[in-house]
Amino acid sequence: MGKRRNNTQNVIAQASILMAAGLVVRIIGVLYRSPVTGIIGDEGNGYYSIAYNIYAMVLLISSYSIPMAVSKVVSGKLALKQYREAHKVFRCALLYVLVVGGIAMGLTFLFAPVLIPESQSNAVPVLRILAPAVFLSGFLGVIRGYFQAHATMVPTSISQVVEQVANAVVSIGAAVLFIHWFAGGKEENRPVFGAMGSAAGIVAGVAAGLIFMVWIYRRNRSYFKAHCERDTSGEDSSYGEIFKIIFFMVTPVILSTFVYNISATIDQTLFMDVMDYKKMAPETAAILYGVFAGKYWVLINVPVALANSMSTAMIPAVSSAYTLGEKEECGLQIKQAIHFTMLISIPSAVGLTVMARPVMEVLFPQKSTMDLAVGLLYMGSVSVVFYCLSTITNGVLQGIGKVNIPLRNAAVSLVLHVLMLSALLYFTDMKLSALVVSNIAYALFMCVMNGYSVRKYLGYRQEIKKTFLLPSFAALGMGVVSYVFYQGLHLIVFAAAGRILPDRVLVLLCLLLSVAFAVAVYFLLLLKCKGVTEGELQRFPKGNTVVRYAKKMHLLAEEERPEEA
């Protein structure tokens, strides 16, 4: 029992490190997109988003799944103490991304005019700026995956923050410089060159993250070498055999991740084509899509990134337990991962709904599209829960080697998604609302099918009350109380300082205080309704401190003592 508890604590601890880094990264991402949007406008945001979606599609095919695949294969080798084999996988993966990433970069640059919709040709130079990031991302992913397989998420977490900081600084600076150097003082050139400068930030960020990870690897090279020298397994696969393992592991994962994420590119293409068919001006379509991708989707992705962190941290533990035939341990890891993720994603969805307008007023204050952006967030916040759950179950299936199952589920969901979106765009006037509704449905389809597959292959039955119902109850209570709190605080603050400080600063002050209040209310309600036990809290970072204060307030349920195995 102690071993299981330690394994779970380690997974949650490592996931928490990744989540903390992911939260910092997403906050930086949201914050820097605000000044960038102010510089390049909604139209520039549209061109950037169009190019970024194509770049993301190419990245999915070439190297996006490499960290997960390397982590999965290497962690399996480490569980069997095949240290030389693990390092050989690492070297082969580097060669793999050298070839595949180089080809992908060249094709992206050369065929950018083909990849971008003809009506949005202003996004072509933006995509070409992004091409080098495709090549560099592969190497960054391999090194991250190797460290993740060794059950340490610290290097990955720090590199993500380094990457995002460099991205933010260069995006803002390069957007200003590109407009100054190349726009020629013409306002109509501002969106295109501004978007190109913003795209340069991504390349700089990936390069900075890679430099950091190479430095970390060199500092730990002696550790990996010593591990290889202690290998007594007798396994000595040829490089051809290793490449075969990588290929058959990476290819289904790439296809699955590709199908799972290609919906953004399909959404973009369908939206632009239908708007063009309905005689909407290309500039107007770019502005609308910029609101969806550059505002709504940026905010939705903040809590979803936390689920990605949990999935990443969970895969090595699930893979190792499954390799060793410990199905009970697999079930425990899955239960804790889903519970922990729902404790965060459900209140996040409620919070984004309740605070939609003040969040948009602070981050994206463009008045012409304010109501539209707020309306999208009201409508689509619930998708956070579905995307988080489908991400976790994807990770479970990939962790146990069933890499074709998420591919099948994603493909079926994608077909249903495209049919729904096409019908809504062609036969209604919903525009961006059609994108939001069909994306909610897509994530829901994935949740249902992945959940069925996990139950089928692991015999896992999801607990409902403590994982979903109690966090939902606490989150809804939090939403009501925090909304009233914000409205009252807004009246008081604006009455007291409305003529002294700018409105945006006052809204930010009210928002920060309301978010802090909401977190406290949610935590208190969760403990009061016994949505988390002492044992579960202790597995979280600083859990003992939280337990101590909760006991002083008589809010904590007694731990349910499991029988000794």
Protein backbone atom coordinates (compact mmCIF):
# COMPACT_ATOMS: atom_id res chain seq x y z
CA MET A 1 0.00 0.00 0.00
CA GLY A 2 2.87 2.36 0.80
CA LYS A 3 4.39 1.88 -2.63
CA ARG A 4 1.10 2.73 -4.31
CA ARG A 5 0.69 5.82 -2.17
CA ASN A 6 4.22 6.99 -2.96
CA ASN A 7 3.68 6.44 -6.68
CA THR A 8 0.48 8.45 -6.59
CA GLN A 9 2.10 11.22 -4.57
CA ASN A 10 4.96 11.36 -7.06
CA VAL A 11 2.65 11.58 -10.06
CA ILE A 12 0.58 14.34 -8.46
CA ALA A 13 3.72 16.15 -7.31
CA GLN A 14 5.23 16.00 -10.80
CA ALA A 15 1.90 16.96 -12.37
CA SER A 16 1.63 19.87 -9.97
CA ILE A 17 5.04 21.11 -11.05
CA LEU A 18 3.96 20.92 -14.68
CA MET A 19 0.60 22.50 -13.85
CA ALA A 20 2.26 25.38 -12.03
CA ALA A 21 4.57 25.94 -14.98
CA GLY A 22 1.67 25.49 -17.41
CA LEU A 23 -0.40 28.03 -15.50
CA VAL A 24 2.47 30.52 -15.54
CA VAL A 25 2.97 29.86 -19.26
CA ARG A 26 -0.71 30.36 -20.05
CA ILE A 27 -0.95 33.50 -17.93
CA ILE A 28 2.07 34.95 -19.74
CA GLY A 29 0.48 33.87 -23.01
CA VAL A 30 -2.80 35.61 -22.22
CA LEU A 31 -1.05 38.73 -20.91
CA TYR A 32 1.27 39.19 -23.88
CA ARG A 33 -1.51 38.58 -26.41
CA SER A 34 -3.26 41.60 -24.96
CA PRO A 35 -0.58 44.18 -25.96
CA VAL A 36 0.09 42.29 -29.20
CA THR A 37 -3.61 42.57 -30.10
CA GLY A 38 -3.42 46.26 -29.28
CA ILE A 39 -0.48 46.59 -31.70
CA ILE A 40 -1.66 44.46 -34.63
CA GLY A 41 -5.45 44.68 -34.12
CA ASP A 42 -8.12 42.02 -34.55
CA GLU A 43 -7.31 41.73 -38.26
CA GLY A 44 -3.63 41.05 -37.53
CA ASN A 45 -4.74 38.57 -34.88
CA GLY A 46 -6.76 36.83 -37.55
CA TYR A 47 -3.77 36.46 -39.90
CA TYR A 48 -1.61 35.26 -37.01
CA SER A 49 -4.24 32.71 -35.94
CA ILE A 50 -4.71 31.40 -39.48
CA ALA A 51 -0.94 30.89 -39.92
CA TYR A 52 -0.56 29.49 -36.42
CA ASN A 53 -3.25 26.86 -37.01
CA ILE A 54 -1.44 25.63 -40.13
CA TYR A 55 1.87 25.68 -38.24
CA ALA A 56 0.27 23.69 -35.41
CA MET A 57 -1.04 21.15 -37.93
CA VAL A 58 2.44 20.65 -39.43
CA LEU A 59 3.91 20.44 -35.93
CA LEU A 60 1.35 17.77 -35.00
CA ILE A 61 2.44 15.65 -37.96
CA SER A 62 6.18 16.16 -37.54
CA SER A 63 6.99 16.34 -33.84
CA TYR A 64 4.18 17.34 -31.47
CA SER A 65 3.69 13.81 -30.11
CA ILE A 66 7.40 13.09 -29.75
CA PRO A 67 7.60 13.96 -26.01
CA MET A 68 4.73 11.61 -25.18
CA ALA A 69 6.04 8.82 -27.42
CA VAL A 70 9.60 9.08 -26.10
CA SER A 71 8.29 9.22 -22.53
CA LYS A 72 6.10 6.15 -23.13
CA VAL A 73 8.80 3.98 -24.75
CA VAL A 74 11.65 5.06 -22.47
CA SER A 75 9.61 4.68 -19.26
CA GLY A 76 8.73 1.12 -20.31
CA LYS A 77 12.43 0.35 -20.81
CA LEU A 78 13.32 1.93 -17.47
CA ALA A 79 10.64 -0.12 -15.68
CA LEU A 80 12.43 -3.23 -16.96
CA LYS A 81 15.83 -1.72 -16.00
CA GLN A 82 16.93 -1.68 -19.65
CA TYR A 83 18.90 1.55 -19.31
CA ARG A 84 21.04 1.16 -22.45
CA GLU A 85 17.93 0.49 -24.50
CA ALA A 86 16.30 3.62 -23.05
CA HIS A 87 19.24 5.78 -24.07
CA LYS A 88 19.32 4.20 -27.51
CA VAL A 89 15.67 5.15 -27.97
CA PHE A 90 16.62 8.72 -27.08
CA ARG A 91 19.38 8.85 -29.71
CA CYS A 92 17.17 7.32 -32.37
CA ALA A 93 14.41 9.80 -31.60
CA LEU A 94 16.84 12.68 -32.14
CA LEU A 95 17.74 11.31 -35.57
CA TYR A 96 14.05 10.82 -36.34
CA VAL A 97 13.18 14.48 -35.69
CA LEU A 98 16.28 15.67 -37.56
CA VAL A 99 14.97 14.08 -40.73
CA VAL A 100 11.22 14.55 -40.27
CA GLY A 101 11.54 18.07 -38.83
CA GLY A 102 13.85 19.21 -41.61
CA ILE A 103 11.47 17.94 -44.29
CA ALA A 104 8.46 19.49 -42.53
CA MET A 105 10.19 22.87 -42.23
CA GLY A 106 11.12 22.93 -45.93
CA LEU A 107 7.65 21.91 -47.08
CA THR A 108 5.98 24.47 -44.82
CA PHE A 109 8.09 27.29 -46.18
CA LEU A 110 7.78 26.27 -49.85
CA PHE A 111 4.09 25.37 -49.85
CA ALA A 112 2.80 28.12 -47.55
CA PRO A 113 0.68 29.63 -50.39
CA VAL A 114 -1.00 26.24 -50.86
CA LEU A 115 -1.60 25.62 -47.17
CA ILE A 116 -3.20 29.02 -46.53
CA PRO A 117 -6.72 29.65 -47.89
CA GLU A 118 -6.55 31.77 -51.03
CA SER A 119 -8.85 34.42 -49.58
CA GLN A 120 -6.42 34.91 -46.66
CA SER A 121 -3.12 35.20 -48.58
CA ASN A 122 -1.89 37.86 -46.13
CA ALA A 123 -1.20 35.00 -43.71
CA VAL A 124 1.37 33.36 -46.05
CA PRO A 125 4.43 35.39 -44.91
CA VAL A 126 3.38 34.81 -41.29
CA LEU A 127 3.47 31.03 -41.83
CA ARG A 128 6.89 31.25 -43.47
CA ILE A 129 8.23 33.06 -40.41
CA LEU A 130 6.97 30.14 -38.30
CA ALA A 131 8.62 27.40 -40.41
CA PRO A 132 11.96 27.19 -38.45
CA ALA A 133 10.03 26.56 -35.23
CA VAL A 134 8.78 23.28 -36.74
CA PHE A 135 12.37 22.02 -37.04
CA LEU A 136 13.51 23.15 -33.60
CA SER A 137 10.41 21.85 -31.79
CA GLY A 138 11.26 18.23 -32.57
CA PHE A 139 14.58 18.34 -30.71
CA LEU A 140 13.01 20.19 -27.82
CA GLY A 141 10.27 17.55 -27.58
CA VAL A 142 12.68 14.60 -27.58
CA ILE A 143 14.77 15.97 -24.72
CA ARG A 144 11.66 16.90 -22.71
CA GLY A 145 10.20 13.43 -23.22
CA TYR A 146 13.45 11.78 -22.08
CA PHE A 147 13.44 13.69 -18.80
CA GLN A 148 9.72 13.04 -18.30
CA ALA A 149 10.35 9.29 -18.65
CA HIS A 150 12.78 9.60 -15.73
CA ALA A 151 9.86 10.94 -13.64
CA THR A 152 11.17 14.48 -13.38
CA MET A 153 9.07 17.31 -14.79
CA VAL A 154 11.23 20.15 -13.47
CA PRO A 155 13.40 20.61 -16.61
CA THR A 156 10.33 20.52 -18.85
CA SER A 157 8.50 22.98 -16.60
CA ILE A 158 11.33 25.49 -16.45
CA SER A 159 11.96 25.22 -20.18
CA GLN A 160 8.29 25.94 -20.86
CA VAL A 161 8.49 29.13 -18.82
CA VAL A 162 11.77 30.12 -20.53
CA GLU A 163 10.17 29.45 -23.91
CA GLN A 164 7.09 31.52 -23.15
CA VAL A 165 9.00 34.46 -21.67
CA ALA A 166 11.21 34.64 -24.78
CA ASN A 167 8.10 34.29 -26.94
CA ALA A 168 6.32 37.14 -25.16
CA VAL A 169 9.26 39.55 -25.22
CA VAL A 170 10.16 38.92 -28.86
CA SER A 171 6.52 38.87 -30.03
CA ILE A 172 5.83 42.33 -28.66
CA GLY A 173 9.19 43.78 -29.67
CA ALA A 174 9.26 42.23 -33.14
CA ALA A 175 5.65 43.25 -33.86
CA VAL A 176 6.55 46.88 -33.17
CA LEU A 177 9.83 46.67 -35.13
CA PHE A 178 8.33 44.90 -38.15
CA ILE A 179 5.61 47.53 -38.40
CA HIS A 180 8.19 50.31 -38.05
CA TRP A 181 10.65 48.80 -40.54
CA PHE A 182 8.40 47.26 -43.19
CA ALA A 183 4.90 48.78 -43.08
CA GLY A 184 6.09 51.99 -44.75
CA GLY A 185 3.76 54.09 -42.63
CA LYS A 186 0.71 52.57 -44.37
CA GLU A 187 -2.03 51.57 -41.94
CA GLU A 188 -3.26 48.78 -44.24
CA ASN A 189 0.15 47.06 -43.93
CA ARG A 190 0.13 47.14 -40.15
CA PRO A 191 -1.83 43.90 -39.52
CA VAL A 192 0.33 41.76 -41.83
CA PHE A 193 3.74 42.90 -40.66
CA GLY A 194 2.61 43.02 -37.06
CA ALA A 195 1.46 39.40 -37.32
CA MET A 196 4.83 38.45 -38.84
CA GLY A 197 6.64 40.03 -35.90
CA SER A 198 4.38 38.23 -33.44
CA ALA A 199 5.14 34.93 -35.19
CA ALA A 200 8.88 35.56 -34.82
CA GLY A 201 8.34 35.33 -31.06
CA ILE A 202 7.35 31.67 -31.36
CA VAL A 203 10.60 30.83 -33.15
CA ALA A 204 12.62 32.71 -30.54
CA GLY A 205 10.74 30.97 -27.73
CA VAL A 206 11.32 27.45 -29.09
CA ALA A 207 15.01 28.25 -29.62
CA ALA A 208 15.35 29.53 -26.05
CA GLY A 209 13.62 26.45 -24.63
CA LEU A 210 15.88 24.15 -26.67
CA ILE A 211 19.05 25.90 -25.54
CA PHE A 212 17.94 25.50 -21.92
CA MET A 213 17.12 21.78 -22.30
CA VAL A 214 20.44 21.05 -24.05
CA TRP A 215 22.25 22.76 -21.17
CA ILE A 216 20.30 20.68 -18.61
CA TYR A 217 21.01 17.47 -20.51
CA ARG A 218 24.74 18.18 -20.64
CA ARG A 219 24.76 18.78 -16.88
CA ASN A 220 23.09 15.39 -16.31
CA ARG A 221 24.97 13.40 -18.94
CA SER A 222 27.13 11.64 -16.34
CA TYR A 223 23.97 10.42 -14.54
CA PHE A 224 22.57 8.86 -17.71
CA LYS A 225 25.97 7.32 -18.53
CA ALA A 226 26.19 5.74 -15.05
CA HIS A 227 22.70 4.29 -15.50
CA CYS A 228 23.73 2.67 -18.77
CA GLU A 229 26.83 1.17 -17.14
CA ARG A 230 24.66 -0.45 -14.44
CA ASP A 231 22.45 -2.15 -17.04
CA THR A 232 22.53 -5.92 -16.51
CA SER A 233 19.43 -6.73 -18.56
CA GLY A 234 21.42 -8.18 -21.46
CA GLU A 235 19.09 -6.49 -23.96
CA ASP A 236 20.86 -5.06 -27.01
CA SER A 237 18.43 -4.17 -29.77
CA SER A 238 19.77 -2.95 -33.09
CA TYR A 239 19.12 0.62 -34.17
CA GLY A 240 16.84 -0.76 -36.86
CA GLU A 241 14.70 -2.46 -34.22
CA ILE A 242 14.62 0.70 -32.13
CA PHE A 243 13.56 2.78 -35.12
CA LYS A 244 10.81 0.26 -35.77
CA ILE A 245 9.57 0.63 -32.17
CA ILE A 246 9.66 4.42 -32.44
CA PHE A 247 7.90 4.39 -35.80
CA PHE A 248 5.09 2.09 -34.68
CA MET A 249 4.67 4.00 -31.43
CA VAL A 250 5.01 7.54 -32.81
CA THR A 251 2.93 7.09 -35.97
CA PRO A 252 -0.40 6.14 -34.31
CA VAL A 253 0.16 8.76 -31.59
CA ILE A 254 0.91 11.42 -34.21
CA LEU A 255 -2.18 10.46 -36.18
CA SER A 256 -4.30 10.42 -33.03
CA THR A 257 -2.99 13.79 -31.83
CA PHE A 258 -3.24 15.14 -35.36
CA VAL A 259 -6.89 14.14 -35.70
CA TYR A 260 -7.60 15.32 -32.15
CA ASN A 261 -6.18 18.78 -32.86
CA ILE A 262 -6.83 19.20 -36.60
CA SER A 263 -10.32 20.45 -35.79
CA ALA A 264 -8.92 24.00 -35.37
CA THR A 265 -7.55 24.02 -38.92
CA ILE A 266 -10.75 22.51 -40.32
CA ASP A 267 -12.81 25.05 -38.37
CA GLN A 268 -10.73 27.85 -39.83
CA THR A 269 -10.97 26.55 -43.41
CA LEU A 270 -14.70 25.89 -43.24
CA PHE A 271 -15.41 29.24 -41.63
CA MET A 272 -13.38 31.20 -44.18
CA ASP A 273 -14.81 29.30 -47.14
CA VAL A 274 -18.42 29.66 -46.02
CA MET A 275 -18.00 33.34 -45.17
CA ASP A 276 -16.45 33.87 -48.61
CA TYR A 277 -19.38 31.97 -50.16
CA LYS A 278 -21.75 34.26 -48.26
CA LYS A 279 -19.90 37.30 -49.68
CA MET A 280 -18.34 38.45 -46.41
CA ALA A 281 -15.27 40.68 -46.92
CA PRO A 282 -11.99 38.77 -46.21
CA GLU A 283 -10.92 41.46 -43.73
CA THR A 284 -14.18 41.07 -41.79
CA ALA A 285 -13.83 37.27 -41.75
CA ALA A 286 -10.25 37.64 -40.46
CA ILE A 287 -11.43 39.97 -37.68
CA LEU A 288 -14.18 37.54 -36.61
CA TYR A 289 -11.85 34.57 -36.62
CA GLY A 290 -9.28 36.64 -34.73
CA VAL A 291 -11.83 37.14 -31.94
CA PHE A 292 -12.53 33.39 -31.77
CA ALA A 293 -8.92 32.13 -31.95
CA GLY A 294 -7.06 35.07 -30.44
CA LYS A 295 -9.39 35.81 -27.53
CA TYR A 296 -11.95 33.09 -26.77
CA TRP A 297 -9.69 30.13 -27.57
CA VAL A 298 -6.68 31.64 -25.78
CA LEU A 299 -8.69 31.82 -22.54
CA ILE A 300 -10.26 28.36 -22.92
CA ASN A 301 -6.79 26.86 -23.33
CA VAL A 302 -5.54 28.12 -19.96
CA PRO A 303 -7.26 25.42 -17.82
CA VAL A 304 -6.96 22.84 -20.60
CA ALA A 305 -3.18 23.22 -20.36
CA LEU A 306 -3.41 21.99 -16.77
CA ALA A 307 -5.03 18.77 -17.98
CA ASN A 308 -2.23 18.38 -20.51
CA SER A 309 0.23 18.65 -17.61
CA MET A 310 -1.54 15.95 -15.64
CA SER A 311 -1.70 13.70 -18.71
CA THR A 312 2.01 14.19 -19.38
CA ALA A 313 2.96 13.41 -15.78
CA MET A 314 0.65 10.39 -15.60
CA ILE A 315 1.79 8.56 -18.76
CA PRO A 316 5.15 7.21 -17.43
CA ALA A 317 3.51 5.90 -14.22
CA VAL A 318 0.58 4.29 -16.05
CA SER A 319 2.91 2.83 -18.68
CA SER A 320 5.27 1.37 -16.05
CA ALA A 321 2.42 -0.12 -14.00
CA TYR A 322 0.79 -1.62 -17.11
CA THR A 323 4.13 -3.03 -18.33
CA LEU A 324 4.57 -4.77 -14.95
CA GLY A 325 0.98 -6.07 -15.00
CA GLU A 326 -0.20 -3.92 -12.07
CA LYS A 327 -3.73 -3.10 -13.23
CA GLU A 328 -4.85 -2.05 -9.77
CA GLU A 329 -2.06 0.54 -9.69
CA CYS A 330 -3.16 1.74 -13.15
CA GLY A 331 -6.69 2.24 -11.87
CA LEU A 332 -5.47 4.20 -8.86
CA GLN A 333 -3.37 6.50 -11.03
CA ILE A 334 -6.28 7.12 -13.39
CA LYS A 335 -8.71 7.82 -10.56
CA GLN A 336 -6.39 10.34 -8.91
CA ALA A 337 -5.55 12.03 -12.22
CA ILE A 338 -9.18 12.48 -13.24
CA HIS A 339 -10.26 13.61 -9.77
CA PHE A 340 -7.42 16.12 -9.52
CA THR A 341 -8.14 17.47 -13.00
CA MET A 342 -11.86 17.87 -12.37
CA LEU A 343 -11.16 19.72 -9.11
CA ILE A 344 -9.50 22.37 -11.27
CA SER A 345 -11.35 22.28 -14.60
CA ILE A 346 -14.92 22.48 -13.25
CA PRO A 347 -14.43 25.68 -11.20
CA SER A 348 -12.36 27.09 -14.07
CA ALA A 349 -15.30 26.67 -16.44
CA VAL A 350 -17.68 28.31 -13.97
CA GLY A 351 -15.21 31.10 -13.26
CA LEU A 352 -14.73 31.92 -16.95
CA THR A 353 -18.51 32.11 -17.36
CA VAL A 354 -19.12 34.32 -14.34
CA MET A 355 -16.14 36.62 -14.95
CA ALA A 356 -16.31 36.64 -18.76
CA ARG A 357 -16.85 40.39 -19.16
CA PRO A 358 -14.29 41.68 -16.65
CA VAL A 359 -11.70 39.22 -18.00
CA MET A 360 -12.26 40.48 -21.54
CA GLU A 361 -12.30 44.12 -20.40
CA VAL A 362 -8.89 43.67 -18.76
CA LEU A 363 -7.16 41.53 -21.37
CA PHE A 364 -8.79 42.44 -24.67
CA PRO A 365 -10.43 45.87 -24.29
CA GLN A 366 -11.25 46.40 -28.01
CA LYS A 367 -14.78 47.82 -27.69
CA SER A 368 -15.90 46.96 -31.23
CA THR A 369 -15.67 43.21 -30.54
CA MET A 370 -16.18 43.18 -26.76
CA ASP A 371 -19.77 41.91 -26.69
CA LEU A 372 -18.97 39.24 -29.27
CA ALA A 373 -15.96 37.93 -27.31
CA VAL A 374 -17.89 37.92 -24.02
CA GLY A 375 -20.81 36.09 -25.63
CA LEU A 376 -18.49 33.37 -26.96
CA LEU A 377 -16.99 32.85 -23.51
CA TYR A 378 -20.45 32.67 -21.89
CA MET A 379 -21.47 30.03 -24.39
CA GLY A 380 -18.29 27.95 -24.59
CA SER A 381 -16.79 27.82 -21.09
CA VAL A 382 -18.32 24.39 -20.43
CA SER A 383 -16.02 22.94 -23.12
CA VAL A 384 -13.14 23.30 -20.62
CA VAL A 385 -14.44 20.31 -18.65
CA PHE A 386 -14.91 18.12 -21.72
CA TYR A 387 -11.52 18.98 -23.23
CA CYS A 388 -9.75 18.35 -19.91
CA LEU A 389 -11.43 14.97 -19.44
CA SER A 390 -10.80 13.84 -23.01
CA THR A 391 -7.14 14.88 -22.68
CA ILE A 392 -6.69 12.75 -19.55
CA THR A 393 -8.40 9.69 -21.05
CA ASN A 394 -6.32 10.10 -24.23
CA GLY A 395 -3.21 9.95 -22.05
CA VAL A 396 -4.47 6.83 -20.26
CA LEU A 397 -5.07 4.93 -23.50
CA GLN A 398 -1.71 5.98 -24.93
CA GLY A 399 0.00 5.08 -21.66
CA ILE A 400 -1.25 1.47 -21.82
CA GLY A 401 -0.17 1.13 -25.43
CA LYS A 402 -3.65 1.37 -27.00
CA VAL A 403 -2.49 4.19 -29.24
CA ASN A 404 -4.89 3.32 -32.07
CA ILE A 405 -7.97 3.68 -29.89
CA PRO A 406 -7.70 7.48 -29.33
CA LEU A 407 -7.06 7.77 -33.08
CA ARG A 408 -10.29 5.96 -33.88
CA ASN A 409 -12.26 7.93 -31.29
CA ALA A 410 -10.83 11.24 -32.48
CA ALA A 411 -11.59 10.39 -36.11
CA VAL A 412 -15.24 9.53 -35.36
CA SER A 413 -15.62 12.67 -33.23
CA LEU A 414 -14.04 14.77 -35.97
CA VAL A 415 -16.46 13.49 -38.63
CA LEU A 416 -19.44 14.28 -36.39
CA HIS A 417 -17.92 17.68 -35.58
CA VAL A 418 -17.41 18.59 -39.25
CA LEU A 419 -20.94 17.54 -40.19
CA MET A 420 -22.40 19.64 -37.39
CA LEU A 421 -20.22 22.67 -38.13
CA SER A 422 -20.91 22.55 -41.87
CA ALA A 423 -24.65 22.43 -41.29
CA LEU A 424 -24.58 25.29 -38.77
CA LEU A 425 -22.40 27.52 -40.96
CA TYR A 426 -24.24 26.91 -44.24
CA PHE A 427 -27.85 26.83 -43.03
CA THR A 428 -27.81 29.30 -40.15
CA ASP A 429 -26.38 32.73 -39.47
CA MET A 430 -24.60 31.63 -36.26
CA LYS A 431 -21.07 32.45 -37.55
CA LEU A 432 -18.68 32.14 -34.58
CA SER A 433 -21.37 30.60 -32.39
CA ALA A 434 -21.37 27.65 -34.78
CA LEU A 435 -17.66 27.15 -34.08
CA VAL A 436 -18.23 27.21 -30.33
CA VAL A 437 -21.20 24.81 -30.33
CA SER A 438 -19.53 22.28 -32.63
CA ASN A 439 -16.33 22.34 -30.56
CA ILE A 440 -18.30 21.64 -27.38
CA ALA A 441 -19.91 18.67 -29.14
CA TYR A 442 -16.53 17.44 -30.42
CA ALA A 443 -14.98 17.38 -26.95
CA LEU A 444 -18.08 15.68 -25.53
CA PHE A 445 -17.97 12.95 -28.17
CA MET A 446 -14.31 12.31 -27.30
CA CYS A 447 -15.09 12.06 -23.57
CA VAL A 448 -17.82 9.49 -24.08
CA MET A 449 -15.86 7.26 -26.47
CA ASN A 450 -12.58 7.46 -24.54
CA GLY A 451 -14.38 6.68 -21.28
CA TYR A 452 -15.93 3.58 -22.83
CA SER A 453 -12.51 2.47 -24.15
CA VAL A 454 -10.78 2.91 -20.78
CA ARG A 455 -13.50 0.84 -19.12
CA LYS A 456 -13.22 -1.84 -21.81
CA TYR A 457 -9.44 -2.31 -21.67
CA LEU A 458 -8.78 -1.72 -17.98
CA GLY A 459 -12.09 -2.61 -16.37
CA TYR A 460 -12.01 0.88 -14.86
CA ARG A 461 -15.26 2.29 -13.54
CA GLN A 462 -15.33 6.03 -12.98
CA GLU A 463 -16.54 7.25 -9.61
CA ILE A 464 -19.14 9.98 -10.18
CA LYS A 465 -20.13 11.68 -6.93
CA LYS A 466 -16.78 12.90 -5.59
CA THR A 467 -15.17 13.41 -9.00
CA PHE A 468 -17.95 15.34 -10.76
CA LEU A 469 -21.00 16.11 -8.62
CA LEU A 470 -19.38 17.56 -5.50
CA PRO A 471 -16.87 19.78 -7.39
CA SER A 472 -19.79 20.98 -9.57
CA PHE A 473 -21.86 21.84 -6.52
CA ALA A 474 -18.94 23.72 -4.93
CA ALA A 475 -18.15 25.48 -8.22
CA LEU A 476 -21.74 26.62 -8.78
CA GLY A 477 -21.91 27.97 -5.23
CA MET A 478 -18.60 29.72 -5.85
CA GLY A 479 -19.94 31.19 -9.09
CA VAL A 480 -23.04 32.70 -7.49
CA VAL A 481 -21.22 34.13 -4.47
CA SER A 482 -18.26 35.50 -6.46
CA TYR A 483 -20.55 37.14 -9.04
CA VAL A 484 -22.42 38.99 -6.29
CA PHE A 485 -19.10 39.86 -4.64
CA TYR A 486 -17.69 41.26 -7.90
CA GLN A 487 -20.76 43.35 -8.67
CA GLY A 488 -20.81 44.85 -5.17
CA LEU A 489 -17.07 45.49 -5.21
CA HIS A 490 -17.34 47.06 -8.67
CA LEU A 491 -19.94 49.56 -7.42
CA ILE A 492 -17.86 50.47 -4.36
CA VAL A 493 -14.51 50.79 -6.16
CA PHE A 494 -15.86 52.83 -9.07
CA ALA A 495 -17.76 55.12 -6.69
CA ALA A 496 -14.61 55.67 -4.61
CA ALA A 497 -11.93 55.90 -7.30
CA GLY A 498 -13.76 56.21 -10.61
CA ARG A 499 -12.35 59.68 -11.26
CA ILE A 500 -8.84 58.91 -10.06
CA LEU A 501 -7.77 55.73 -11.86
CA PRO A 502 -8.51 54.42 -15.38
CA ASP A 503 -11.49 52.08 -15.70
CA ARG A 504 -9.28 49.19 -16.85
CA VAL A 505 -7.15 49.40 -13.71
CA LEU A 506 -10.23 49.44 -11.48
CA VAL A 507 -11.73 46.45 -13.29
CA LEU A 508 -8.42 44.59 -12.88
CA LEU A 509 -8.42 45.34 -9.14
CA CYS A 510 -12.01 44.10 -8.75
CA LEU A 511 -11.23 41.01 -10.84
CA LEU A 512 -8.14 40.01 -8.86
CA LEU A 513 -9.90 40.40 -5.52
CA SER A 514 -12.93 38.50 -6.80
CA VAL A 515 -10.82 35.62 -8.15
CA ALA A 516 -9.01 35.31 -4.79
CA PHE A 517 -12.37 35.36 -3.02
CA ALA A 518 -13.78 32.77 -5.44
CA VAL A 519 -10.85 30.37 -4.84
CA ALA A 520 -11.36 30.60 -1.07
CA VAL A 521 -15.12 30.04 -1.38
CA TYR A 522 -14.66 27.05 -3.68
CA PHE A 523 -12.12 25.47 -1.37
CA LEU A 524 -14.35 25.96 1.67
CA LEU A 525 -17.43 24.56 -0.09
CA LEU A 526 -15.46 21.60 -1.42
CA LEU A 527 -14.24 20.69 2.05
CA LYS A 528 -17.67 21.30 3.59
CA CYS A 529 -19.39 18.91 1.20
CA LYS A 530 -16.56 16.36 1.67
CA GLY A 531 -15.40 16.52 -1.93
CA VAL A 532 -11.82 15.75 -0.89
CA THR A 533 -10.37 13.71 1.98
CA GLU A 534 -7.36 14.23 4.21
CA GLY A 535 -5.38 11.53 2.41
CA GLU A 536 -6.05 13.12 -0.99
CA LEU A 537 -5.10 16.58 0.23
CA GLN A 538 -1.83 15.27 1.66
CA ARG A 539 -0.83 14.02 -1.78
CA PHE A 540 -1.07 17.54 -3.18
CA PRO A 541 1.83 20.01 -2.96
CA LYS A 542 1.85 21.67 0.50
CA GLY A 543 -0.96 19.26 1.36
CA ASN A 544 0.04 18.91 5.01
CA THR A 545 -0.21 22.67 5.48
CA VAL A 546 -3.65 22.74 3.87
CA VAL A 547 -4.77 19.83 6.09
CA ARG A 548 -3.58 21.60 9.22
CA TYR A 549 -5.56 24.77 8.50
CA ALA A 550 -8.62 22.83 7.34
CA LYS A 551 -8.70 20.88 10.60
CA LYS A 552 -8.49 24.09 12.61
CA MET A 553 -11.61 25.28 10.79
CA HIS A 554 -13.37 21.90 11.27
CA LEU A 555 -13.92 21.57 7.52
CA LEU A 556 -12.03 18.40 6.67
CA ALA A 557 -13.58 14.99 6.27
CA GLU A 558 -11.79 12.13 7.97
CA GLU A 559 -9.63 10.04 5.69
CA GLU A 560 -11.14 6.81 4.45
CA ARG A 561 -8.60 4.17 5.47
CA PRO A 562 -8.13 1.55 2.74
CA GLU A 563 -7.50 -2.05 3.63
CA GLU A 564 -3.87 -3.11 3.51
CA ALA A 565 -2.98 -4.98 0.35
